[in-house]
Amino acid sequence: MEILEFQLNTHLVAVYYNRGKPNLLRVHVDVTLADLKHHLSQLNSHLHFGNERTVTDVEYRRLSVCSDGTVLFTNIKLQNDSECENNVLYFLLVHDKGTD
């Protein structure tokens, strides 16, 4: 049986590369935008062996519930470190650039 170590001060997030299928991973609460992009680029190269693309933009999906119970997601581009630290990131949309 594999024992998984729980990491404190992390959020479980679903990461979508170029609107593809979601990948679940943990992101540290105090991550900077540059570190987040670097980490996501490394993860992408592991998920898609040989893919040398780098992450250029990161968006998150802000969840909101309307008065009638409808659930909406609004895509918001992360532009600085405070946006990474001040928002609970659950759904990340990642856009990359480079060669496949």
Protein backbone atom coordinates (compact mmCIF):
# COMPACT_ATOMS: atom_id res chain seq x y z
CA MET A 1 0.00 0.00 0.00
CA GLU A 2 1.34 3.43 -0.96
CA ILE A 3 1.38 6.04 1.79
CA LEU A 4 0.81 9.59 0.59
CA GLU A 5 2.25 12.44 2.59
CA PHE A 6 -0.09 15.37 3.24
CA GLN A 7 1.50 18.77 2.68
CA LEU A 8 0.47 21.63 4.96
CA ASN A 9 -0.27 25.08 3.53
CA THR A 10 -1.30 23.78 0.12
CA HIS A 11 -4.47 23.82 -1.97
CA LEU A 12 -5.60 20.98 -4.19
CA VAL A 13 -6.18 22.46 -7.65
CA ALA A 14 -7.33 21.20 -11.02
CA VAL A 15 -4.95 22.36 -13.76
CA TYR A 16 -6.10 22.56 -17.37
CA TYR A 17 -3.34 22.91 -19.98
CA ASN A 18 -4.70 24.73 -23.07
CA ARG A 19 -8.29 23.82 -22.17
CA GLY A 20 -7.42 20.12 -22.03
CA LYS A 21 -8.35 17.53 -19.41
CA PRO A 22 -7.82 18.47 -15.75
CA ASN A 23 -4.77 17.37 -13.76
CA LEU A 24 -4.94 17.49 -9.96
CA LEU A 25 -1.98 18.80 -8.00
CA ARG A 26 -1.15 20.68 -4.83
CA VAL A 27 -0.03 24.32 -4.96
CA HIS A 28 1.61 26.05 -1.99
CA VAL A 29 -0.43 28.86 -0.45
CA ASP A 30 2.45 31.38 -0.56
CA VAL A 31 3.58 30.69 -4.15
CA THR A 32 4.73 33.55 -6.39
CA LEU A 33 3.44 33.87 -9.93
CA ALA A 34 6.91 33.20 -11.39
CA ASP A 35 7.33 30.07 -9.23
CA LEU A 36 3.84 28.89 -10.16
CA LYS A 37 4.58 29.27 -13.89
CA HIS A 38 7.90 27.44 -13.48
CA HIS A 39 6.31 24.60 -11.50
CA LEU A 40 3.49 24.24 -14.05
CA SER A 41 5.99 24.20 -16.95
CA GLN A 42 7.92 21.39 -15.24
CA LEU A 43 4.72 19.46 -14.59
CA ASN A 44 3.67 19.84 -18.23
CA SER A 45 7.00 18.40 -19.43
CA HIS A 46 6.48 15.38 -17.15
CA LEU A 47 2.89 14.85 -18.24
CA HIS A 48 3.75 15.22 -21.94
CA PHE A 49 7.25 13.76 -22.29
CA GLY A 50 9.38 15.75 -24.70
CA ASN A 51 7.12 18.79 -24.63
CA GLU A 52 9.41 21.81 -24.17
CA ARG A 53 6.64 24.40 -23.95
CA THR A 54 6.73 26.96 -21.16
CA VAL A 55 3.78 28.46 -19.35
CA THR A 56 3.05 32.03 -20.47
CA ASP A 57 -0.30 32.82 -18.81
CA VAL A 58 -2.16 31.48 -15.80
CA GLU A 59 -5.86 32.08 -15.18
CA TYR A 60 -8.09 30.89 -12.40
CA ARG A 61 -11.78 30.21 -12.46
CA ARG A 62 -13.66 32.25 -9.88
CA LEU A 63 -16.73 30.42 -8.67
CA SER A 64 -19.95 32.36 -8.10
CA VAL A 65 -23.48 31.21 -7.36
CA CYS A 66 -26.45 33.22 -8.65
CA SER A 67 -29.59 33.78 -6.59
CA ASP A 68 -31.40 31.13 -8.67
CA GLY A 69 -28.73 28.54 -7.78
CA THR A 70 -26.89 28.68 -11.10
CA VAL A 71 -23.13 28.15 -10.76
CA LEU A 72 -20.90 30.37 -12.90
CA PHE A 73 -17.15 30.36 -13.46
CA THR A 74 -15.36 33.55 -14.46
CA ASN A 75 -11.84 33.23 -15.90
CA ILE A 76 -9.43 35.76 -14.38
CA LYS A 77 -5.81 36.13 -15.50
CA LEU A 78 -3.23 36.17 -12.70
CA GLN A 79 -0.98 39.19 -13.19
CA ASN A 80 1.07 39.52 -10.00
CA ASP A 81 2.15 37.70 -6.85
CA SER A 82 -0.55 39.18 -4.61
CA GLU A 83 -3.24 37.66 -6.83
CA CYS A 84 -1.65 34.23 -6.27
CA GLU A 85 -1.50 34.77 -2.52
CA ASN A 86 -4.90 36.40 -1.99
CA ASN A 87 -7.06 34.04 -4.02
CA VAL A 88 -7.89 30.46 -3.20
CA LEU A 89 -6.94 28.78 -6.45
CA TYR A 90 -9.00 25.71 -7.29
CA PHE A 91 -9.13 25.70 -11.08
CA LEU A 92 -6.13 26.92 -13.05
CA LEU A 93 -6.18 27.45 -16.80
CA VAL A 94 -2.65 27.32 -18.19
CA HIS A 95 -1.57 28.68 -21.57
CA ASP A 96 1.82 27.70 -22.90
CA LYS A 97 4.07 28.73 -25.74
CA GLY A 98 6.78 26.84 -27.58
CA THR A 99 7.21 23.76 -29.70
CA ASP A 100 5.63 20.36 -29.21
